[in-house]
Each structure stands twice: as structure tokens, then as C-alpha cells.
């Protein structure tokens, strides 16, 4: 019995096998470079896809969203989020990137009194530091938000370059909801 075990061990070490094993091919510098370039290309495509369809990176160049977002802050946005009242968003207006807070959705009725905002005849509670005034608005109140639009106000309410000037912001101009902010100045 020991002889059978010894013969099985000696035949399993590969020296007595009748099938010759193939020698391994050595990888050349070209193979390593090609493999690296394929991995790099796939990484670039994945990052491009994420930044085009899922997320966005924006830098705030004004104080319209102050104190939540300051001039020079880097913001990460999520494009697939569902907009709701109170969301801080990034949108395009007149070729510029702007930051603002959603106050009302499509079909809502907005009224602005001195220091008071009503949406659908209900006062909204906000954490806005600055009072909201209808002065300088190019729209009349009560304002009905058009379909596929949102009503956006700046957190820095003295700056009226928001829906008080432009009216409803089309959903197709919304870049996404701000999910992360990184202070770039005053650190």
C-alpha cells in the first residue's frame, strides 16, 4: 500500500507526466503599456460618465447663496435627485451658473409680502438670514409657477437675480441638487 502512495506522489510532481506543460510567455513592455492604457481609458470613461450623467462639480463665483455657500466654495451636485421645496440647487441662467433655493414647484402659487413668503396660501418657515422683499421684482404676485419649472430664491435675499427677476426656472436648466460643499476660502 505504501508503494501505491509513493508512486502516486512521484507521478504528481510533474516529472513523470506524459503531457508537457507549455512555457509561460514573458510579458513585454508593450503588453504592460497596452494594459495600462486600457485601464486608464476605462477609468476616464467611467469618471466622464459619472460627471456627465450623475454628479457635477461647480464653483460658486458670487454670494447669492450666502451664508450656506460662499464665494469660491466648491460644490458637488447630484443630478438624479428629486427636487423638493427647500433644496439648494445649481441652475443655468443667461449662460451663467447660479445657486438658489427651491421655494415652490410647478403649479404652486407664490406670494411675497414684506419679510414673508406664502406658497399655496400657507406661510413657509425658512432658515433664511436675510428678509425677503418683493421690491424690484419683474413678476407680479401672486405668481403661478409654470409647468416643468421651479421658483427659486437666493439665500442672500437682497440679490434679486433669481425667480423674482426671471420667473420660473425650467427643470431642464437645473444642474442638480447640492449635496456637498467644501470651503475653499478663509480656511
N, C-alpha and C. Protein backbone atom coordinates (compact mmCIF):
# COMPACT_ATOMS: atom_id res chain seq x y z
N UNK A 1 0.81 -1.18 0.00
CA UNK A 1 0.00 0.00 0.00
C UNK A 1 0.86 1.25 0.00
N UNK A 2 1.95 1.23 0.72
CA UNK A 2 2.86 2.37 0.73
C UNK A 2 3.47 2.59 -0.64
N UNK A 3 3.67 1.52 -1.40
CA UNK A 3 4.23 1.66 -2.73
C UNK A 3 3.27 2.42 -3.64
N UNK A 4 1.97 2.16 -3.51
CA UNK A 4 0.97 2.87 -4.31
C UNK A 4 0.95 4.36 -3.98
N UNK A 5 1.08 4.66 -2.70
CA UNK A 5 1.09 6.06 -2.28
C UNK A 5 2.35 6.75 -2.81
N UNK A 6 3.50 6.10 -2.71
CA UNK A 6 4.74 6.68 -3.20
C UNK A 6 4.71 6.89 -4.70
N UNK A 7 4.14 5.93 -5.43
CA UNK A 7 4.07 6.08 -6.88
C UNK A 7 3.11 7.19 -7.26
N UNK A 8 2.03 7.39 -6.50
CA UNK A 8 1.09 8.48 -6.78
C UNK A 8 1.74 9.82 -6.51
N UNK A 9 2.54 9.89 -5.45
CA UNK A 9 3.23 11.14 -5.13
C UNK A 9 4.26 11.45 -6.18
N UNK A 10 5.02 10.47 -6.60
CA UNK A 10 6.07 10.72 -7.60
C UNK A 10 5.48 11.09 -8.95
N UNK A 11 4.30 10.57 -9.28
CA UNK A 11 3.71 10.92 -10.57
C UNK A 11 3.03 12.28 -10.52
N UNK A 12 2.70 12.77 -9.32
CA UNK A 12 2.03 14.06 -9.24
C UNK A 12 3.00 15.22 -9.20
N UNK A 13 4.29 14.98 -9.09
CA UNK A 13 5.23 16.10 -9.06
C UNK A 13 5.51 16.64 -10.46
N UNK A 14 4.95 16.08 -11.49
CA UNK A 14 5.01 16.62 -12.83
C UNK A 14 6.17 16.11 -13.65
N UNK A 15 7.12 15.46 -13.04
CA UNK A 15 8.28 14.98 -13.78
C UNK A 15 7.95 13.77 -14.63
N UNK A 16 7.03 12.95 -14.19
CA UNK A 16 6.70 11.72 -14.90
C UNK A 16 5.48 11.87 -15.80
N UNK A 17 4.90 13.06 -15.86
CA UNK A 17 3.71 13.25 -16.70
C UNK A 17 4.09 13.18 -18.16
N UNK A 18 3.23 12.56 -18.93
CA UNK A 18 3.49 12.44 -20.35
C UNK A 18 3.09 13.73 -21.09
N UNK A 19 2.23 14.56 -20.47
CA UNK A 19 1.79 15.80 -21.10
C UNK A 19 2.78 16.90 -20.74
N UNK A 20 3.36 17.49 -21.73
CA UNK A 20 4.34 18.55 -21.48
C UNK A 20 3.61 19.85 -21.20
N UNK A 21 4.05 20.56 -20.18
CA UNK A 21 3.41 21.84 -19.86
C UNK A 21 4.00 22.92 -20.77
N UNK A 22 3.13 23.89 -21.11
CA UNK A 22 3.56 24.96 -22.01
C UNK A 22 4.35 25.99 -21.22
N UNK A 23 5.40 26.48 -21.79
CA UNK A 23 6.16 27.51 -21.07
C UNK A 23 5.36 28.82 -21.05
N UNK A 24 5.47 29.57 -19.94
CA UNK A 24 4.76 30.84 -19.84
C UNK A 24 5.44 31.87 -20.73
N UNK A 25 4.57 32.69 -21.37
CA UNK A 25 5.11 33.77 -22.18
C UNK A 25 5.50 34.91 -21.26
N UNK A 26 6.59 35.50 -21.55
CA UNK A 26 7.05 36.65 -20.77
C UNK A 26 6.34 37.88 -21.29
N UNK A 27 5.88 38.73 -20.38
CA UNK A 27 5.19 39.97 -20.76
C UNK A 27 6.24 41.01 -21.14
N UNK A 28 5.97 41.65 -22.23
CA UNK A 28 6.90 42.68 -22.70
C UNK A 28 6.43 44.05 -22.22
N UNK A 29 7.25 45.04 -22.44
CA UNK A 29 6.90 46.42 -22.08
C UNK A 29 5.66 46.86 -22.85
N UNK A 30 5.54 46.40 -24.08
CA UNK A 30 4.35 46.74 -24.88
C UNK A 30 3.08 46.19 -24.24
N UNK A 31 3.13 44.96 -23.73
CA UNK A 31 1.96 44.37 -23.07
C UNK A 31 1.58 45.16 -21.82
N UNK A 32 2.57 45.57 -21.03
CA UNK A 32 2.28 46.36 -19.83
C UNK A 32 1.70 47.73 -20.21
N UNK A 33 2.27 48.36 -21.22
CA UNK A 33 1.78 49.68 -21.65
C UNK A 33 0.36 49.57 -22.19
N UNK A 34 0.08 48.56 -22.98
CA UNK A 34 -1.27 48.38 -23.53
C UNK A 34 -2.28 48.14 -22.41
N UNK A 35 -1.92 47.29 -21.47
CA UNK A 35 -2.80 47.01 -20.33
C UNK A 35 -3.06 48.27 -19.52
N UNK A 36 -2.03 49.07 -19.29
CA UNK A 36 -2.18 50.32 -18.56
C UNK A 36 -3.08 51.30 -19.30
N UNK A 37 -2.89 51.43 -20.60
CA UNK A 37 -3.71 52.36 -21.38
C UNK A 37 -5.18 51.94 -21.42
N UNK A 38 -5.45 50.65 -21.49
CA UNK A 38 -6.84 50.17 -21.47
C UNK A 38 -7.49 50.50 -20.13
N UNK A 39 -6.77 50.27 -19.04
CA UNK A 39 -7.29 50.59 -17.71
C UNK A 39 -7.50 52.09 -17.55
N UNK A 40 -6.58 52.89 -18.04
CA UNK A 40 -6.69 54.34 -17.97
C UNK A 40 -7.90 54.83 -18.77
N UNK A 41 -8.08 54.30 -19.96
CA UNK A 41 -9.21 54.69 -20.80
C UNK A 41 -10.54 54.32 -20.14
N UNK A 42 -10.64 53.13 -19.56
CA UNK A 42 -11.86 52.73 -18.87
C UNK A 42 -12.14 53.63 -17.66
N UNK A 43 -11.10 53.98 -16.92
CA UNK A 43 -11.26 54.88 -15.77
C UNK A 43 -11.75 56.24 -16.21
N UNK A 44 -11.17 56.79 -17.28
CA UNK A 44 -11.59 58.10 -17.79
C UNK A 44 -13.04 58.04 -18.26
N UNK A 45 -13.44 56.99 -18.95
CA UNK A 45 -14.83 56.85 -19.41
C UNK A 45 -15.81 56.77 -18.24
N UNK A 46 -15.46 56.04 -17.20
CA UNK A 46 -16.33 55.92 -16.03
C UNK A 46 -16.46 57.27 -15.33
N UNK A 47 -15.35 57.97 -15.12
CA UNK A 47 -15.39 59.28 -14.46
C UNK A 47 -16.17 60.27 -15.31
N UNK A 48 -15.95 60.27 -16.62
CA UNK A 48 -16.70 61.16 -17.52
C UNK A 48 -18.20 60.87 -17.43
N UNK A 49 -18.57 59.59 -17.45
CA UNK A 49 -19.99 59.22 -17.36
C UNK A 49 -20.61 59.67 -16.05
N UNK A 50 -19.89 59.48 -14.96
CA UNK A 50 -20.41 59.92 -13.66
C UNK A 50 -20.58 61.43 -13.60
N UNK A 51 -19.58 62.18 -14.09
CA UNK A 51 -19.66 63.64 -14.02
C UNK A 51 -20.60 64.23 -15.06
N UNK A 52 -20.99 63.46 -16.06
CA UNK A 52 -21.93 63.96 -17.07
C UNK A 52 -23.37 63.64 -16.70
N UNK A 53 -23.62 62.45 -16.20
CA UNK A 53 -24.99 62.00 -16.00
C UNK A 53 -25.42 61.86 -14.54
N UNK A 54 -24.50 61.78 -13.60
CA UNK A 54 -24.87 61.52 -12.21
C UNK A 54 -24.51 62.67 -11.28
N UNK A 55 -23.32 63.18 -11.39
CA UNK A 55 -22.83 64.21 -10.47
C UNK A 55 -22.26 65.38 -11.26
N UNK A 56 -22.07 66.48 -10.57
CA UNK A 56 -21.46 67.65 -11.18
C UNK A 56 -20.60 68.37 -10.16
N UNK A 57 -19.59 69.07 -10.63
CA UNK A 57 -18.72 69.85 -9.77
C UNK A 57 -18.83 71.30 -10.21
N UNK A 58 -19.12 72.19 -9.25
CA UNK A 58 -19.31 73.60 -9.56
C UNK A 58 -18.59 74.44 -8.51
N UNK A 59 -18.14 75.62 -8.94
CA UNK A 59 -17.55 76.59 -8.03
C UNK A 59 -18.45 77.81 -8.01
N UNK A 60 -18.79 78.26 -6.82
CA UNK A 60 -19.65 79.43 -6.66
C UNK A 60 -18.79 80.69 -6.86
N UNK A 61 -19.25 81.59 -7.74
CA UNK A 61 -18.48 82.80 -8.03
C UNK A 61 -19.17 84.07 -7.54
N UNK A 62 -20.17 83.92 -6.68
CA UNK A 62 -20.82 85.09 -6.11
C UNK A 62 -21.36 84.72 -4.73
N UNK A 63 -22.01 85.67 -4.08
CA UNK A 63 -22.54 85.42 -2.74
C UNK A 63 -24.06 85.31 -2.74
N UNK A 64 -24.66 84.89 -3.84
CA UNK A 64 -26.12 84.79 -3.89
C UNK A 64 -26.67 83.73 -2.95
N UNK A 65 -25.89 82.73 -2.60
CA UNK A 65 -26.35 81.67 -1.70
C UNK A 65 -25.75 81.83 -0.30
N UNK A 66 -25.17 82.98 -0.02
CA UNK A 66 -24.57 83.24 1.29
C UNK A 66 -25.66 83.22 2.36
N UNK A 67 -25.50 82.63 3.48
CA UNK A 67 -24.31 82.07 4.12
C UNK A 67 -24.10 80.57 3.88
N UNK A 68 -25.05 79.90 3.22
CA UNK A 68 -24.92 78.46 3.00
C UNK A 68 -23.73 78.14 2.10
N UNK A 69 -23.60 78.88 1.01
CA UNK A 69 -22.49 78.70 0.08
C UNK A 69 -21.85 80.07 -0.12
N UNK A 70 -20.54 80.13 0.02
CA UNK A 70 -19.83 81.40 -0.10
C UNK A 70 -19.07 81.47 -1.42
N UNK A 71 -18.67 82.67 -1.76
CA UNK A 71 -17.88 82.89 -2.97
C UNK A 71 -16.61 82.04 -2.90
N UNK A 72 -16.37 81.25 -3.93
CA UNK A 72 -15.17 80.42 -4.01
C UNK A 72 -15.35 79.00 -3.51
N UNK A 73 -16.53 78.66 -2.98
CA UNK A 73 -16.76 77.29 -2.47
C UNK A 73 -16.91 76.31 -3.63
N UNK A 74 -16.42 75.11 -3.42
CA UNK A 74 -16.55 74.01 -4.37
C UNK A 74 -17.76 73.18 -3.96
N UNK A 75 -18.66 72.95 -4.90
CA UNK A 75 -19.91 72.23 -4.59
C UNK A 75 -20.04 71.00 -5.49
N UNK A 76 -20.47 69.91 -4.89
CA UNK A 76 -20.76 68.68 -5.61
C UNK A 76 -22.28 68.57 -5.70
N UNK A 77 -22.79 68.33 -6.92
CA UNK A 77 -24.23 68.21 -7.11
C UNK A 77 -24.60 66.80 -7.56
N UNK A 78 -25.83 66.43 -7.25
CA UNK A 78 -26.38 65.14 -7.66
C UNK A 78 -27.50 65.42 -8.65
N UNK A 79 -27.30 64.99 -9.89
CA UNK A 79 -28.24 65.31 -10.98
C UNK A 79 -29.52 64.49 -10.95
N UNK A 80 -29.51 63.33 -10.33
CA UNK A 80 -30.65 62.43 -10.37
C UNK A 80 -31.60 62.61 -9.19
N UNK A 81 -31.35 63.60 -8.35
CA UNK A 81 -32.20 63.78 -7.17
C UNK A 81 -33.56 64.35 -7.54
N UNK A 82 -34.53 64.08 -6.71
CA UNK A 82 -35.87 64.63 -6.89
C UNK A 82 -35.92 65.98 -6.19
N UNK A 83 -36.30 67.01 -6.92
CA UNK A 83 -36.36 68.34 -6.33
C UNK A 83 -37.54 68.45 -5.38
N UNK A 84 -37.33 69.16 -4.29
CA UNK A 84 -38.41 69.42 -3.35
C UNK A 84 -38.19 70.80 -2.75
N UNK A 85 -39.21 71.30 -2.10
CA UNK A 85 -39.14 72.63 -1.51
C UNK A 85 -38.03 72.66 -0.46
N UNK A 86 -37.18 73.67 -0.55
CA UNK A 86 -36.07 73.82 0.38
C UNK A 86 -34.74 73.31 -0.13
N UNK A 87 -34.73 72.62 -1.27
CA UNK A 87 -33.48 72.09 -1.83
C UNK A 87 -32.62 73.22 -2.37
N UNK A 88 -31.31 73.14 -2.10
CA UNK A 88 -30.35 74.08 -2.69
C UNK A 88 -29.94 73.48 -4.03
N UNK A 89 -30.11 74.26 -5.12
CA UNK A 89 -29.83 73.73 -6.45
C UNK A 89 -28.82 74.61 -7.18
N UNK A 90 -28.26 74.05 -8.24
CA UNK A 90 -27.42 74.77 -9.18
C UNK A 90 -28.18 74.79 -10.49
N UNK A 91 -28.28 75.96 -11.12
CA UNK A 91 -29.01 76.08 -12.38
C UNK A 91 -28.30 77.06 -13.31
N UNK A 92 -28.62 76.97 -14.58
CA UNK A 92 -28.06 77.87 -15.60
C UNK A 92 -29.07 78.95 -15.92
N UNK A 93 -28.62 80.20 -15.96
CA UNK A 93 -29.47 81.31 -16.34
C UNK A 93 -28.60 82.32 -17.08
N UNK A 94 -29.00 82.66 -18.29
CA UNK A 94 -28.24 83.59 -19.13
C UNK A 94 -26.79 83.15 -19.31
N UNK A 95 -26.56 81.85 -19.42
CA UNK A 95 -25.22 81.32 -19.64
C UNK A 95 -24.35 81.28 -18.39
N UNK A 96 -24.88 81.65 -17.25
CA UNK A 96 -24.11 81.65 -16.01
C UNK A 96 -24.64 80.57 -15.07
N UNK A 97 -23.74 80.04 -14.26
CA UNK A 97 -24.12 79.07 -13.25
C UNK A 97 -24.54 79.82 -12.00
N UNK A 98 -25.75 79.51 -11.49
CA UNK A 98 -26.28 80.18 -10.32
C UNK A 98 -26.68 79.16 -9.27
N UNK A 99 -26.70 79.61 -8.02
CA UNK A 99 -27.09 78.79 -6.89
C UNK A 99 -28.33 79.40 -6.26
N UNK A 100 -29.31 78.58 -5.90
CA UNK A 100 -30.52 79.09 -5.28
C UNK A 100 -31.28 78.01 -4.56
N UNK A 101 -32.27 78.44 -3.79
CA UNK A 101 -33.09 77.52 -3.00
C UNK A 101 -34.48 77.43 -3.61
N UNK A 102 -34.96 76.19 -3.79
CA UNK A 102 -36.30 75.96 -4.34
C UNK A 102 -37.33 76.36 -3.30
N UNK A 103 -38.23 77.26 -3.70
CA UNK A 103 -39.29 77.73 -2.81
C UNK A 103 -40.62 77.08 -3.18
N UNK A 104 -40.86 76.91 -4.48
CA UNK A 104 -42.14 76.35 -4.94
C UNK A 104 -41.91 75.51 -6.19
N UNK A 105 -42.83 74.56 -6.40
CA UNK A 105 -42.75 73.65 -7.54
C UNK A 105 -43.79 74.02 -8.59
N UNK A 106 -43.83 73.29 -9.69
CA UNK A 106 -44.79 73.53 -10.78
C UNK A 106 -46.22 73.57 -10.25
N UNK A 107 -46.96 74.56 -10.70
CA UNK A 107 -48.36 74.68 -10.33
C UNK A 107 -48.62 75.37 -9.00
N UNK A 108 -47.59 75.65 -8.22
CA UNK A 108 -47.77 76.33 -6.94
C UNK A 108 -47.99 77.82 -7.15
N UNK A 109 -48.66 78.44 -6.20
CA UNK A 109 -48.91 79.88 -6.23
C UNK A 109 -48.03 80.53 -5.16
N UNK A 110 -47.21 81.51 -5.57
CA UNK A 110 -46.26 82.16 -4.68
C UNK A 110 -46.67 83.61 -4.48
N UNK A 111 -46.65 84.03 -3.21
CA UNK A 111 -46.88 85.43 -2.87
C UNK A 111 -45.77 85.87 -1.93
N UNK A 112 -45.20 87.04 -2.19
CA UNK A 112 -44.16 87.58 -1.33
C UNK A 112 -44.65 88.90 -0.77
N UNK A 113 -44.72 88.97 0.55
CA UNK A 113 -45.03 90.20 1.25
C UNK A 113 -43.74 90.67 1.90
N UNK A 114 -43.74 91.78 2.53
CA UNK A 114 -42.53 92.23 3.21
C UNK A 114 -42.13 91.22 4.29
N UNK A 115 -41.00 90.59 4.09
CA UNK A 115 -40.40 89.62 5.02
C UNK A 115 -41.23 88.35 5.21
N UNK A 116 -42.12 88.04 4.29
CA UNK A 116 -42.98 86.87 4.47
C UNK A 116 -43.28 86.26 3.10
N UNK A 117 -43.17 84.92 3.01
CA UNK A 117 -43.44 84.21 1.76
C UNK A 117 -44.56 83.22 2.00
N UNK A 118 -45.52 83.22 1.07
CA UNK A 118 -46.61 82.24 1.12
C UNK A 118 -46.60 81.41 -0.15
N UNK A 119 -46.75 80.10 0.01
CA UNK A 119 -46.87 79.18 -1.11
C UNK A 119 -48.18 78.44 -0.94
N UNK A 120 -49.06 78.57 -1.94
CA UNK A 120 -50.40 77.95 -1.90
C UNK A 120 -51.17 78.37 -0.64
N UNK A 121 -51.09 79.66 -0.32
CA UNK A 121 -51.79 80.27 0.81
C UNK A 121 -51.31 79.78 2.17
N UNK A 122 -50.14 79.16 2.23
CA UNK A 122 -49.54 78.75 3.50
C UNK A 122 -48.19 79.44 3.64
N UNK A 123 -47.94 80.00 4.80
CA UNK A 123 -46.63 80.60 5.07
C UNK A 123 -45.59 79.51 5.19
N UNK A 124 -44.42 79.75 4.64
CA UNK A 124 -43.36 78.74 4.74
C UNK A 124 -42.36 79.19 5.78
N UNK A 125 -41.85 78.23 6.52
CA UNK A 125 -40.81 78.55 7.51
C UNK A 125 -39.47 78.25 6.87
N UNK A 126 -38.57 79.19 7.02
CA UNK A 126 -37.24 79.04 6.42
C UNK A 126 -36.19 79.43 7.44
N UNK A 127 -34.98 79.07 7.13
CA UNK A 127 -33.85 79.46 7.95
C UNK A 127 -33.10 80.61 7.30
N UNK A 128 -33.78 81.38 6.46
CA UNK A 128 -33.14 82.49 5.76
C UNK A 128 -32.73 83.56 6.76
N UNK A 129 -31.53 84.05 6.60
CA UNK A 129 -30.99 85.06 7.48
C UNK A 129 -31.46 86.44 7.05
N UNK A 130 -31.67 86.61 5.76
CA UNK A 130 -32.00 87.92 5.20
C UNK A 130 -33.48 88.00 4.87
N UNK A 131 -34.11 89.16 5.08
CA UNK A 131 -35.54 89.31 4.77
C UNK A 131 -35.79 89.29 3.26
N UNK A 132 -36.96 88.79 2.90
CA UNK A 132 -37.35 88.68 1.50
C UNK A 132 -38.31 89.82 1.19
N UNK A 133 -38.01 90.53 0.11
CA UNK A 133 -38.85 91.66 -0.28
C UNK A 133 -39.27 91.51 -1.74
N UNK A 134 -40.49 91.91 -2.07
CA UNK A 134 -40.91 91.85 -3.46
C UNK A 134 -40.42 93.05 -4.29
N UNK A 135 -39.75 94.01 -3.65
CA UNK A 135 -39.28 95.20 -4.36
C UNK A 135 -38.28 94.83 -5.44
N UNK A 136 -38.46 95.42 -6.60
CA UNK A 136 -37.56 95.18 -7.72
C UNK A 136 -37.94 93.96 -8.56
N UNK A 137 -38.97 93.23 -8.16
CA UNK A 137 -39.38 92.04 -8.91
C UNK A 137 -39.92 92.44 -10.28
N UNK A 138 -39.61 91.64 -11.27
CA UNK A 138 -40.16 91.89 -12.61
C UNK A 138 -41.39 91.03 -12.87
N UNK A 139 -41.83 90.29 -11.87
CA UNK A 139 -43.05 89.48 -11.98
C UNK A 139 -44.08 90.06 -11.02
N UNK A 140 -45.33 89.72 -11.26
CA UNK A 140 -46.39 90.21 -10.36
C UNK A 140 -46.88 89.07 -9.49
N UNK A 141 -47.36 89.42 -8.31
CA UNK A 141 -47.81 88.43 -7.34
C UNK A 141 -49.31 88.51 -7.18
N UNK A 142 -49.99 87.43 -6.94
CA UNK A 142 -49.48 86.07 -6.78
C UNK A 142 -48.99 85.51 -8.11
N UNK A 143 -47.91 84.77 -8.03
CA UNK A 143 -47.26 84.21 -9.21
C UNK A 143 -47.52 82.71 -9.24
N UNK A 144 -48.04 82.22 -10.35
CA UNK A 144 -48.24 80.77 -10.52
C UNK A 144 -47.04 80.20 -11.26
N UNK A 145 -46.39 79.22 -10.66
CA UNK A 145 -45.19 78.62 -11.25
C UNK A 145 -45.62 77.78 -12.45
N UNK A 146 -45.05 78.05 -13.64
CA UNK A 146 -45.42 77.29 -14.84
C UNK A 146 -45.05 75.81 -14.73
N UNK A 147 -45.65 75.00 -15.61
CA UNK A 147 -45.32 73.57 -15.65
C UNK A 147 -43.85 73.38 -15.96
N UNK A 148 -43.27 72.33 -15.39
CA UNK A 148 -41.85 71.96 -15.59
C UNK A 148 -40.91 73.10 -15.21
N UNK A 149 -41.27 73.85 -14.18
CA UNK A 149 -40.43 74.93 -13.66
C UNK A 149 -40.43 74.89 -12.14
N UNK A 150 -39.46 75.55 -11.55
CA UNK A 150 -39.41 75.74 -10.10
C UNK A 150 -39.21 77.22 -9.81
N UNK A 151 -39.66 77.66 -8.65
CA UNK A 151 -39.48 79.04 -8.21
C UNK A 151 -38.31 79.03 -7.23
N UNK A 152 -37.27 79.79 -7.55
CA UNK A 152 -36.01 79.76 -6.81
C UNK A 152 -35.72 81.15 -6.24
N UNK A 153 -35.29 81.18 -4.98
CA UNK A 153 -34.83 82.41 -4.35
C UNK A 153 -33.40 82.23 -3.87
N UNK A 154 -32.63 83.32 -3.94
CA UNK A 154 -31.28 83.30 -3.38
C UNK A 154 -31.38 83.32 -1.86
N UNK A 155 -30.42 82.71 -1.18
CA UNK A 155 -30.38 82.82 0.28
C UNK A 155 -30.02 84.24 0.70
N UNK A 156 -29.19 84.90 -0.08
CA UNK A 156 -28.89 86.31 0.14
C UNK A 156 -29.98 87.09 -0.57
N UNK A 157 -31.09 87.36 0.13
CA UNK A 157 -32.32 87.83 -0.48
C UNK A 157 -32.23 89.24 -1.07
N UNK A 158 -31.21 90.02 -0.70
CA UNK A 158 -31.06 91.35 -1.30
C UNK A 158 -30.70 91.25 -2.77
N UNK A 159 -30.09 90.15 -3.17
CA UNK A 159 -29.75 89.90 -4.57
C UNK A 159 -30.98 89.30 -5.24
N UNK A 160 -31.63 90.07 -6.12
CA UNK A 160 -32.88 89.60 -6.72
C UNK A 160 -32.67 88.94 -8.08
N UNK A 161 -31.46 88.48 -8.36
CA UNK A 161 -31.22 87.77 -9.63
C UNK A 161 -31.64 86.31 -9.48
N UNK A 162 -32.91 86.10 -9.22
CA UNK A 162 -33.49 84.78 -9.04
C UNK A 162 -34.85 84.76 -9.71
N UNK A 163 -35.78 83.97 -9.23
CA UNK A 163 -37.10 83.89 -9.86
C UNK A 163 -37.89 85.19 -9.75
N UNK A 164 -37.50 86.08 -8.86
CA UNK A 164 -38.16 87.38 -8.79
C UNK A 164 -37.87 88.20 -10.05
N UNK A 165 -36.75 87.92 -10.69
CA UNK A 165 -36.38 88.59 -11.93
C UNK A 165 -36.72 87.74 -13.15
N UNK A 166 -36.40 86.44 -13.11
CA UNK A 166 -36.52 85.57 -14.28
C UNK A 166 -37.83 84.80 -14.35
N UNK A 167 -38.59 84.77 -13.27
CA UNK A 167 -39.78 83.92 -13.24
C UNK A 167 -39.37 82.49 -12.93
N UNK A 168 -40.20 81.54 -13.33
CA UNK A 168 -39.91 80.13 -13.07
C UNK A 168 -38.65 79.68 -13.81
N UNK A 169 -37.86 78.85 -13.15
CA UNK A 169 -36.64 78.29 -13.73
C UNK A 169 -37.00 76.93 -14.32
N UNK A 170 -36.80 76.74 -15.64
CA UNK A 170 -37.13 75.44 -16.26
C UNK A 170 -36.31 74.30 -15.66
N UNK A 171 -36.94 73.15 -15.50
CA UNK A 171 -36.25 71.99 -14.93
C UNK A 171 -35.06 71.56 -15.78
N UNK A 172 -35.13 71.82 -17.08
CA UNK A 172 -34.01 71.43 -17.95
C UNK A 172 -32.77 72.28 -17.70
N UNK A 173 -32.93 73.44 -17.05
CA UNK A 173 -31.78 74.29 -16.71
C UNK A 173 -31.19 73.96 -15.36
N UNK A 174 -31.84 73.09 -14.60
CA UNK A 174 -31.34 72.71 -13.28
C UNK A 174 -30.22 71.70 -13.44
N UNK A 175 -29.06 72.02 -12.89
CA UNK A 175 -27.88 71.15 -12.98
C UNK A 175 -27.88 70.04 -11.92
N UNK A 176 -28.56 70.27 -10.81
CA UNK A 176 -28.62 69.26 -9.76
C UNK A 176 -28.78 69.88 -8.39
N UNK A 177 -28.94 69.02 -7.40
CA UNK A 177 -29.09 69.43 -6.01
C UNK A 177 -27.72 69.40 -5.34
N UNK A 178 -27.39 70.43 -4.57
CA UNK A 178 -26.11 70.49 -3.87
C UNK A 178 -26.12 69.46 -2.74
N UNK A 179 -25.14 68.56 -2.76
CA UNK A 179 -25.05 67.52 -1.73
C UNK A 179 -23.79 67.65 -0.88
N UNK A 180 -22.82 68.43 -1.37
CA UNK A 180 -21.56 68.58 -0.63
C UNK A 180 -20.96 69.93 -0.96
N UNK A 181 -20.48 70.62 0.07
CA UNK A 181 -19.83 71.91 -0.11
C UNK A 181 -18.48 71.89 0.59
N UNK A 182 -17.46 72.39 -0.09
CA UNK A 182 -16.13 72.45 0.51
C UNK A 182 -15.65 73.90 0.48
N UNK A 183 -15.33 74.42 1.65
CA UNK A 183 -14.84 75.79 1.75
C UNK A 183 -13.46 75.87 1.12
N UNK A 184 -13.34 76.80 0.18
CA UNK A 184 -12.05 76.97 -0.50
C UNK A 184 -11.35 78.26 -0.05
N UNK A 185 -12.11 79.18 0.55
CA UNK A 185 -11.53 80.44 1.01
C UNK A 185 -11.73 80.58 2.50
N UNK A 186 -10.85 81.28 3.12
CA UNK A 186 -10.98 81.57 4.55
C UNK A 186 -10.72 80.37 5.43
N UNK A 187 -9.98 79.39 4.93
CA UNK A 187 -9.67 78.20 5.72
C UNK A 187 -8.53 78.50 6.65
